[in-house]
Amino acid sequence: MAYKIPEETTPRCLECGNLLNRYDRSDKKFCCPSCKDKYHNDRKNPSRHLIRSTTAALLKNHDILDRLWETGFRMMDTESLRRRGFDTSLVTGVRRGRSGLIYECFDYVYRLSENRIFSINRVLSVDKVENVSLNLRPVENNQFTK
């Protein structure tokens, strides 16, 4: 005669929620080493998600600028850029130029007004950069104006 173990007493993986094998150790908490690693890495450094999402948004901005550059566009309205996923609040650098602020996104520089992005230029090749430090921070639209 076989006894069925009730579902609610069967342990589940703390990361993915899969059922654990009932023949394993009774104190087992994870279904596999990758779930165990992910669980402990996420608990150890909760700001990692913010870093990953910010980096992903910056890379998306770079990809959009790259496509514009390759197709010959040097200006575009900000609404069209936002629809494509461009986030104007994230930049890798800001500096003052002779005629206003110049925003940087890795190897691209551009100027930004309320309704358009313009003067998109590529300043250097990534494979020629040896030592680049990035100042990754969100920028408010009026933060650098006088």
N, C-alpha and C. Protein backbone atom coordinates (compact mmCIF):
# COMPACT_ATOMS: atom_id res chain seq x y z
N MET A 1 0.85 -1.16 0.00
CA MET A 1 0.00 0.00 0.00
C MET A 1 0.90 1.24 0.00
N ALA A 2 0.69 2.16 -0.94
CA ALA A 2 1.50 3.37 -1.05
C ALA A 2 0.75 4.54 -0.44
N TYR A 3 1.48 5.36 0.28
CA TYR A 3 0.92 6.56 0.87
C TYR A 3 1.28 7.77 0.03
N LYS A 4 0.33 8.61 -0.17
CA LYS A 4 0.57 9.83 -0.95
C LYS A 4 0.91 10.98 0.00
N ILE A 5 1.99 11.68 -0.33
CA ILE A 5 2.37 12.84 0.48
C ILE A 5 1.52 14.01 0.04
N PRO A 6 0.87 14.69 0.98
CA PRO A 6 0.02 15.84 0.59
C PRO A 6 0.86 16.93 -0.09
N GLU A 7 0.27 17.58 -1.08
CA GLU A 7 0.96 18.62 -1.87
C GLU A 7 1.49 19.75 -1.01
N GLU A 8 0.71 20.22 -0.03
CA GLU A 8 1.10 21.37 0.76
C GLU A 8 2.31 21.11 1.67
N THR A 9 2.62 19.88 1.95
CA THR A 9 3.79 19.60 2.79
C THR A 9 5.04 19.32 1.95
N THR A 10 4.88 19.22 0.64
CA THR A 10 6.04 19.02 -0.23
C THR A 10 6.78 20.34 -0.35
N PRO A 11 8.09 20.35 -0.04
CA PRO A 11 8.84 21.61 -0.08
C PRO A 11 9.02 22.13 -1.50
N ARG A 12 9.15 23.43 -1.61
CA ARG A 12 9.35 24.09 -2.90
C ARG A 12 10.65 24.87 -2.88
N CYS A 13 11.23 25.07 -4.06
CA CYS A 13 12.45 25.85 -4.23
C CYS A 13 12.18 27.30 -3.82
N LEU A 14 13.05 27.87 -3.01
CA LEU A 14 12.86 29.25 -2.56
C LEU A 14 12.99 30.27 -3.68
N GLU A 15 13.66 29.93 -4.77
CA GLU A 15 13.86 30.87 -5.88
C GLU A 15 12.77 30.76 -6.94
N CYS A 16 12.58 29.58 -7.50
CA CYS A 16 11.66 29.45 -8.64
C CYS A 16 10.31 28.84 -8.25
N GLY A 17 10.20 28.21 -7.09
CA GLY A 17 8.94 27.65 -6.65
C GLY A 17 8.65 26.24 -7.12
N ASN A 18 9.60 25.62 -7.85
CA ASN A 18 9.40 24.24 -8.29
C ASN A 18 9.38 23.30 -7.09
N LEU A 19 8.65 22.20 -7.25
CA LEU A 19 8.63 21.20 -6.19
C LEU A 19 9.99 20.53 -6.08
N LEU A 20 10.42 20.28 -4.86
CA LEU A 20 11.69 19.59 -4.63
C LEU A 20 11.46 18.09 -4.58
N ASN A 21 12.46 17.35 -4.94
CA ASN A 21 12.37 15.90 -4.91
C ASN A 21 12.23 15.43 -3.47
N ARG A 22 11.21 14.66 -3.17
CA ARG A 22 10.97 14.24 -1.79
C ARG A 22 12.00 13.24 -1.29
N TYR A 23 12.81 12.69 -2.20
CA TYR A 23 13.82 11.72 -1.78
C TYR A 23 15.16 12.39 -1.46
N ASP A 24 15.27 13.70 -1.70
CA ASP A 24 16.49 14.43 -1.33
C ASP A 24 16.50 14.70 0.17
N ARG A 25 17.52 15.40 0.60
CA ARG A 25 17.61 15.76 2.02
C ARG A 25 16.35 16.50 2.46
N SER A 26 15.98 16.34 3.69
CA SER A 26 14.75 16.97 4.17
C SER A 26 14.90 18.48 4.34
N ASP A 27 16.15 18.97 4.48
CA ASP A 27 16.36 20.41 4.67
C ASP A 27 16.77 21.12 3.37
N LYS A 28 16.63 20.46 2.25
CA LYS A 28 17.00 21.06 0.97
C LYS A 28 16.05 22.22 0.64
N LYS A 29 16.62 23.35 0.16
CA LYS A 29 15.82 24.55 -0.08
C LYS A 29 15.76 24.97 -1.55
N PHE A 30 16.65 24.44 -2.39
CA PHE A 30 16.72 24.86 -3.79
C PHE A 30 16.73 23.65 -4.69
N CYS A 31 16.17 23.81 -5.89
CA CYS A 31 16.08 22.69 -6.82
C CYS A 31 17.39 22.47 -7.59
N CYS A 32 18.21 23.52 -7.74
CA CYS A 32 19.45 23.39 -8.49
C CYS A 32 20.45 24.46 -8.03
N PRO A 33 21.72 24.29 -8.36
CA PRO A 33 22.74 25.27 -7.95
C PRO A 33 22.50 26.68 -8.52
N SER A 34 21.94 26.78 -9.73
CA SER A 34 21.72 28.11 -10.30
C SER A 34 20.64 28.88 -9.51
N CYS A 35 19.61 28.19 -9.05
CA CYS A 35 18.59 28.85 -8.22
C CYS A 35 19.20 29.29 -6.89
N LYS A 36 20.03 28.47 -6.33
CA LYS A 36 20.69 28.81 -5.06
C LYS A 36 21.58 30.04 -5.24
N ASP A 37 22.36 30.08 -6.32
CA ASP A 37 23.24 31.22 -6.59
C ASP A 37 22.43 32.50 -6.81
N LYS A 38 21.38 32.41 -7.62
CA LYS A 38 20.56 33.59 -7.91
C LYS A 38 19.91 34.12 -6.64
N TYR A 39 19.38 33.24 -5.83
CA TYR A 39 18.72 33.64 -4.58
C TYR A 39 19.69 34.39 -3.67
N HIS A 40 20.87 33.83 -3.47
CA HIS A 40 21.83 34.46 -2.56
C HIS A 40 22.44 35.73 -3.15
N ASN A 41 22.67 35.77 -4.46
CA ASN A 41 23.20 36.99 -5.08
C ASN A 41 22.20 38.13 -5.00
N ASP A 42 20.93 37.84 -5.20
CA ASP A 42 19.90 38.88 -5.13
C ASP A 42 19.73 39.40 -3.71
N ARG A 43 19.86 38.53 -2.73
CA ARG A 43 19.73 38.96 -1.33
C ARG A 43 20.96 39.73 -0.87
N LYS A 44 22.12 39.36 -1.39
CA LYS A 44 23.37 40.00 -0.95
C LYS A 44 23.46 41.44 -1.44
N ASN A 45 22.98 41.71 -2.64
CA ASN A 45 23.13 43.04 -3.22
C ASN A 45 21.82 43.47 -3.89
N PRO A 46 20.88 44.04 -3.10
CA PRO A 46 19.58 44.41 -3.69
C PRO A 46 19.67 45.55 -4.70
N SER A 47 20.75 46.34 -4.70
CA SER A 47 20.85 47.44 -5.66
C SER A 47 21.28 46.95 -7.04
N ARG A 48 21.60 45.68 -7.16
CA ARG A 48 22.02 45.13 -8.44
C ARG A 48 20.95 45.30 -9.51
N HIS A 49 19.68 45.18 -9.13
CA HIS A 49 18.59 45.34 -10.09
C HIS A 49 18.59 46.76 -10.66
N LEU A 50 18.79 47.76 -9.80
CA LEU A 50 18.85 49.15 -10.27
C LEU A 50 20.00 49.35 -11.25
N ILE A 51 21.14 48.79 -10.95
CA ILE A 51 22.31 48.92 -11.82
C ILE A 51 22.03 48.26 -13.16
N ARG A 52 21.47 47.06 -13.14
CA ARG A 52 21.17 46.35 -14.40
C ARG A 52 20.14 47.10 -15.24
N SER A 53 19.09 47.61 -14.61
CA SER A 53 18.05 48.30 -15.38
C SER A 53 18.56 49.63 -15.94
N THR A 54 19.39 50.35 -15.16
CA THR A 54 19.95 51.60 -15.66
C THR A 54 20.90 51.34 -16.82
N THR A 55 21.74 50.35 -16.69
CA THR A 55 22.67 50.00 -17.76
C THR A 55 21.91 49.56 -19.01
N ALA A 56 20.86 48.79 -18.83
CA ALA A 56 20.06 48.34 -19.97
C ALA A 56 19.41 49.54 -20.67
N ALA A 57 18.90 50.51 -19.91
CA ALA A 57 18.29 51.70 -20.52
C ALA A 57 19.33 52.53 -21.26
N LEU A 58 20.53 52.65 -20.70
CA LEU A 58 21.60 53.39 -21.38
C LEU A 58 22.01 52.70 -22.68
N LEU A 59 22.08 51.38 -22.65
CA LEU A 59 22.43 50.64 -23.86
C LEU A 59 21.33 50.77 -24.92
N LYS A 60 20.09 50.81 -24.48
CA LYS A 60 18.99 51.01 -25.43
C LYS A 60 19.10 52.40 -26.05
N ASN A 61 19.39 53.43 -25.22
CA ASN A 61 19.60 54.78 -25.76
C ASN A 61 20.73 54.77 -26.79
N HIS A 62 21.82 54.08 -26.47
CA HIS A 62 22.96 54.01 -27.38
C HIS A 62 22.57 53.34 -28.69
N ASP A 63 21.82 52.25 -28.60
CA ASP A 63 21.39 51.54 -29.81
C ASP A 63 20.51 52.44 -30.70
N ILE A 64 19.63 53.22 -30.08
CA ILE A 64 18.76 54.13 -30.84
C ILE A 64 19.61 55.21 -31.51
N LEU A 65 20.55 55.80 -30.76
CA LEU A 65 21.45 56.80 -31.34
C LEU A 65 22.29 56.20 -32.47
N ASP A 66 22.72 54.96 -32.28
CA ASP A 66 23.53 54.29 -33.29
C ASP A 66 22.73 54.09 -34.58
N ARG A 67 21.47 53.67 -34.46
CA ARG A 67 20.63 53.49 -35.64
C ARG A 67 20.38 54.82 -36.35
N LEU A 68 20.15 55.88 -35.56
CA LEU A 68 19.97 57.20 -36.16
C LEU A 68 21.22 57.64 -36.90
N TRP A 69 22.38 57.42 -36.29
CA TRP A 69 23.66 57.81 -36.89
C TRP A 69 23.88 57.05 -38.20
N GLU A 70 23.65 55.75 -38.18
CA GLU A 70 23.88 54.93 -39.37
C GLU A 70 22.93 55.27 -40.53
N THR A 71 21.72 55.71 -40.20
CA THR A 71 20.77 56.05 -41.26
C THR A 71 20.86 57.52 -41.69
N GLY A 72 21.77 58.27 -41.07
CA GLY A 72 21.99 59.65 -41.49
C GLY A 72 21.16 60.70 -40.77
N PHE A 73 20.35 60.30 -39.80
CA PHE A 73 19.57 61.28 -39.04
C PHE A 73 20.47 61.95 -38.01
N ARG A 74 20.43 63.27 -37.97
CA ARG A 74 21.22 64.01 -36.98
C ARG A 74 20.32 64.78 -36.02
N MET A 75 18.98 64.66 -36.22
CA MET A 75 18.03 65.25 -35.29
C MET A 75 16.71 64.49 -35.39
N MET A 76 15.95 64.54 -34.29
CA MET A 76 14.65 63.88 -34.25
C MET A 76 13.87 64.46 -33.08
N ASP A 77 12.54 64.47 -33.22
CA ASP A 77 11.73 65.00 -32.11
C ASP A 77 11.73 64.00 -30.95
N THR A 78 11.66 64.53 -29.73
CA THR A 78 11.78 63.68 -28.54
C THR A 78 10.60 62.72 -28.39
N GLU A 79 9.43 63.10 -28.87
CA GLU A 79 8.28 62.20 -28.76
C GLU A 79 8.51 60.92 -29.56
N SER A 80 9.06 61.04 -30.77
CA SER A 80 9.38 59.85 -31.57
C SER A 80 10.43 59.00 -30.87
N LEU A 81 11.40 59.65 -30.27
CA LEU A 81 12.44 58.90 -29.54
C LEU A 81 11.86 58.17 -28.35
N ARG A 82 10.98 58.82 -27.62
CA ARG A 82 10.36 58.17 -26.45
C ARG A 82 9.54 56.95 -26.88
N ARG A 83 8.85 57.06 -27.99
CA ARG A 83 8.07 55.92 -28.48
C ARG A 83 8.98 54.74 -28.82
N ARG A 84 10.20 55.03 -29.24
CA ARG A 84 11.16 53.97 -29.54
C ARG A 84 11.85 53.43 -28.29
N GLY A 85 11.64 54.09 -27.14
CA GLY A 85 12.22 53.62 -25.89
C GLY A 85 13.39 54.45 -25.38
N PHE A 86 13.66 55.60 -25.99
CA PHE A 86 14.76 56.46 -25.57
C PHE A 86 14.38 57.17 -24.28
N ASP A 87 15.27 57.13 -23.29
CA ASP A 87 15.05 57.78 -21.99
C ASP A 87 15.97 58.99 -21.91
N THR A 88 15.40 60.20 -22.04
CA THR A 88 16.22 61.41 -22.06
C THR A 88 16.80 61.76 -20.70
N SER A 89 16.33 61.13 -19.63
CA SER A 89 16.85 61.46 -18.29
C SER A 89 18.12 60.69 -17.95
N LEU A 90 18.52 59.71 -18.76
CA LEU A 90 19.72 58.94 -18.47
C LEU A 90 20.82 59.27 -19.47
N VAL A 91 21.96 59.73 -18.96
CA VAL A 91 23.11 60.07 -19.78
C VAL A 91 24.37 59.56 -19.09
N THR A 92 25.46 59.45 -19.83
CA THR A 92 26.73 59.08 -19.21
C THR A 92 27.59 60.31 -18.93
N GLY A 93 27.18 61.47 -19.41
CA GLY A 93 27.91 62.69 -19.13
C GLY A 93 27.19 63.91 -19.66
N VAL A 94 27.47 65.05 -19.04
CA VAL A 94 26.93 66.33 -19.48
C VAL A 94 28.05 67.35 -19.36
N ARG A 95 28.19 68.19 -20.39
CA ARG A 95 29.20 69.25 -20.31
C ARG A 95 28.64 70.49 -20.99
N ARG A 96 29.23 71.62 -20.65
CA ARG A 96 28.81 72.88 -21.26
C ARG A 96 29.57 73.12 -22.54
N GLY A 97 28.84 73.42 -23.58
CA GLY A 97 29.44 73.82 -24.85
C GLY A 97 29.26 75.31 -25.04
N ARG A 98 29.75 75.83 -26.14
CA ARG A 98 29.62 77.27 -26.41
C ARG A 98 28.17 77.70 -26.52
N SER A 99 27.34 76.83 -27.07
CA SER A 99 25.94 77.23 -27.29
C SER A 99 24.96 76.39 -26.49
N GLY A 100 25.35 75.89 -25.33
CA GLY A 100 24.43 75.14 -24.48
C GLY A 100 25.02 73.84 -23.99
N LEU A 101 24.18 73.04 -23.41
CA LEU A 101 24.61 71.76 -22.83
C LEU A 101 24.80 70.70 -23.91
N ILE A 102 25.81 69.89 -23.72
CA ILE A 102 26.07 68.75 -24.60
C ILE A 102 25.93 67.49 -23.76
N TYR A 103 25.03 66.61 -24.16
CA TYR A 103 24.79 65.36 -23.44
C TYR A 103 25.58 64.25 -24.09
N GLU A 104 26.03 63.30 -23.28
CA GLU A 104 26.83 62.18 -23.77
C GLU A 104 26.14 60.87 -23.43
N CYS A 105 26.21 59.96 -24.38
CA CYS A 105 25.76 58.59 -24.17
C CYS A 105 26.84 57.70 -24.76
N PHE A 106 27.77 57.30 -23.92
CA PHE A 106 28.96 56.55 -24.33
C PHE A 106 29.72 57.31 -25.40
N ASP A 107 29.76 56.83 -26.63
CA ASP A 107 30.55 57.50 -27.66
C ASP A 107 29.73 58.45 -28.53
N TYR A 108 28.50 58.76 -28.15
CA TYR A 108 27.67 59.71 -28.87
C TYR A 108 27.47 60.97 -28.03
N VAL A 109 27.45 62.11 -28.68
CA VAL A 109 27.11 63.38 -28.04
C VAL A 109 25.94 63.98 -28.80
N TYR A 110 25.11 64.74 -28.08
CA TYR A 110 23.96 65.37 -28.71
C TYR A 110 23.51 66.55 -27.87
N ARG A 111 22.72 67.38 -28.47
CA ARG A 111 22.09 68.49 -27.77
C ARG A 111 20.61 68.17 -27.65
N LEU A 112 20.00 68.73 -26.62
CA LEU A 112 18.62 68.39 -26.31
C LEU A 112 17.84 69.66 -26.02
N SER A 113 16.71 69.82 -26.68
CA SER A 113 15.77 70.89 -26.34
C SER A 113 14.51 70.21 -25.82
N GLU A 114 13.50 71.00 -25.52
CA GLU A 114 12.27 70.42 -24.98
C GLU A 114 11.59 69.47 -25.94
N ASN A 115 11.69 69.75 -27.23
CA ASN A 115 10.92 68.94 -28.18
C ASN A 115 11.75 68.22 -29.23
N ARG A 116 13.08 68.33 -29.15
CA ARG A 116 13.88 67.57 -30.13
C ARG A 116 15.30 67.33 -29.60
N ILE A 117 15.88 66.31 -30.19
CA ILE A 117 17.29 66.00 -29.96
C ILE A 117 17.99 66.33 -31.28
N PHE A 118 19.14 66.98 -31.21
CA PHE A 118 19.80 67.39 -32.44
C PHE A 118 21.31 67.38 -32.29
N SER A 119 22.01 67.62 -33.36
CA SER A 119 23.48 67.61 -33.41
C SER A 119 24.04 66.29 -32.89
N ILE A 120 23.48 65.18 -33.33
CA ILE A 120 23.96 63.87 -32.91
C ILE A 120 25.29 63.60 -33.61
N ASN A 121 26.31 63.34 -32.84
CA ASN A 121 27.63 63.05 -33.39
C ASN A 121 28.28 61.90 -32.64
N ARG A 122 29.09 61.16 -33.34
CA ARG A 122 29.88 60.10 -32.73
C ARG A 122 31.28 60.67 -32.51
N VAL A 123 31.79 60.57 -31.26
CA VAL A 123 33.04 61.26 -30.95
C VAL A 123 34.27 60.37 -30.99
N LEU A 124 34.12 59.11 -30.74
CA LEU A 124 35.28 58.22 -30.80
C LEU A 124 34.83 56.79 -30.98
N SER A 125 35.74 55.97 -31.39
CA SER A 125 35.45 54.55 -31.59
C SER A 125 35.68 53.81 -30.28
N VAL A 126 34.75 52.93 -29.93
CA VAL A 126 34.83 52.21 -28.67
C VAL A 126 36.08 51.34 -28.59
N ASP A 127 36.52 50.77 -29.72
CA ASP A 127 37.68 49.89 -29.67
C ASP A 127 38.98 50.67 -29.45
N LYS A 128 38.97 52.01 -29.56
CA LYS A 128 40.16 52.81 -29.31
C LYS A 128 40.21 53.34 -27.88
N VAL A 129 39.15 53.15 -27.13
CA VAL A 129 39.10 53.63 -25.75
C VAL A 129 39.79 52.62 -24.85
N GLU A 130 40.74 53.09 -24.05
CA GLU A 130 41.44 52.19 -23.14
C GLU A 130 40.96 52.36 -21.71
N ASN A 131 40.74 53.59 -21.27
CA ASN A 131 40.39 53.81 -19.89
C ASN A 131 39.27 54.85 -19.82
N VAL A 132 38.04 54.37 -19.67
CA VAL A 132 36.89 55.26 -19.61
C VAL A 132 36.20 55.06 -18.28
N SER A 133 35.96 56.13 -17.57
CA SER A 133 35.16 56.04 -16.35
C SER A 133 33.82 56.71 -16.62
N LEU A 134 32.75 56.07 -16.20
CA LEU A 134 31.42 56.56 -16.48
C LEU A 134 30.79 57.12 -15.22
N ASN A 135 30.13 58.23 -15.35
CA ASN A 135 29.38 58.82 -14.26
C ASN A 135 27.91 58.61 -14.58
N LEU A 136 27.37 57.46 -14.16
CA LEU A 136 26.00 57.09 -14.51
C LEU A 136 25.05 57.64 -13.47
N ARG A 137 24.22 58.60 -13.90
CA ARG A 137 23.24 59.17 -12.99
C ARG A 137 22.08 59.73 -13.80
N PRO A 138 20.89 59.68 -13.24
CA PRO A 138 19.77 60.30 -13.94
C PRO A 138 19.92 61.82 -13.89
N VAL A 139 19.49 62.50 -14.94
CA VAL A 139 19.63 63.94 -15.04
C VAL A 139 18.26 64.56 -15.19
N GLU A 140 17.96 65.53 -14.36
CA GLU A 140 16.72 66.28 -14.50
C GLU A 140 16.91 67.28 -15.63
N ASN A 141 15.85 67.62 -16.33
CA ASN A 141 15.95 68.50 -17.50
C ASN A 141 16.53 69.86 -17.18
N ASN A 142 16.21 70.45 -16.05
CA ASN A 142 16.67 71.81 -15.73
C ASN A 142 17.82 71.81 -14.72
N GLN A 143 18.41 70.68 -14.45
CA GLN A 143 19.44 70.59 -13.42
C GLN A 143 20.68 71.40 -13.77
N PHE A 144 21.04 71.52 -15.04
CA PHE A 144 22.28 72.17 -15.41
C PHE A 144 22.08 73.55 -16.02
N THR A 145 20.87 74.04 -16.03
CA THR A 145 20.65 75.37 -16.59
C THR A 145 20.85 76.41 -15.50
N LYS A 146 21.21 77.61 -15.90
CA LYS A 146 21.45 78.68 -14.93
C LYS A 146 20.17 79.30 -14.45
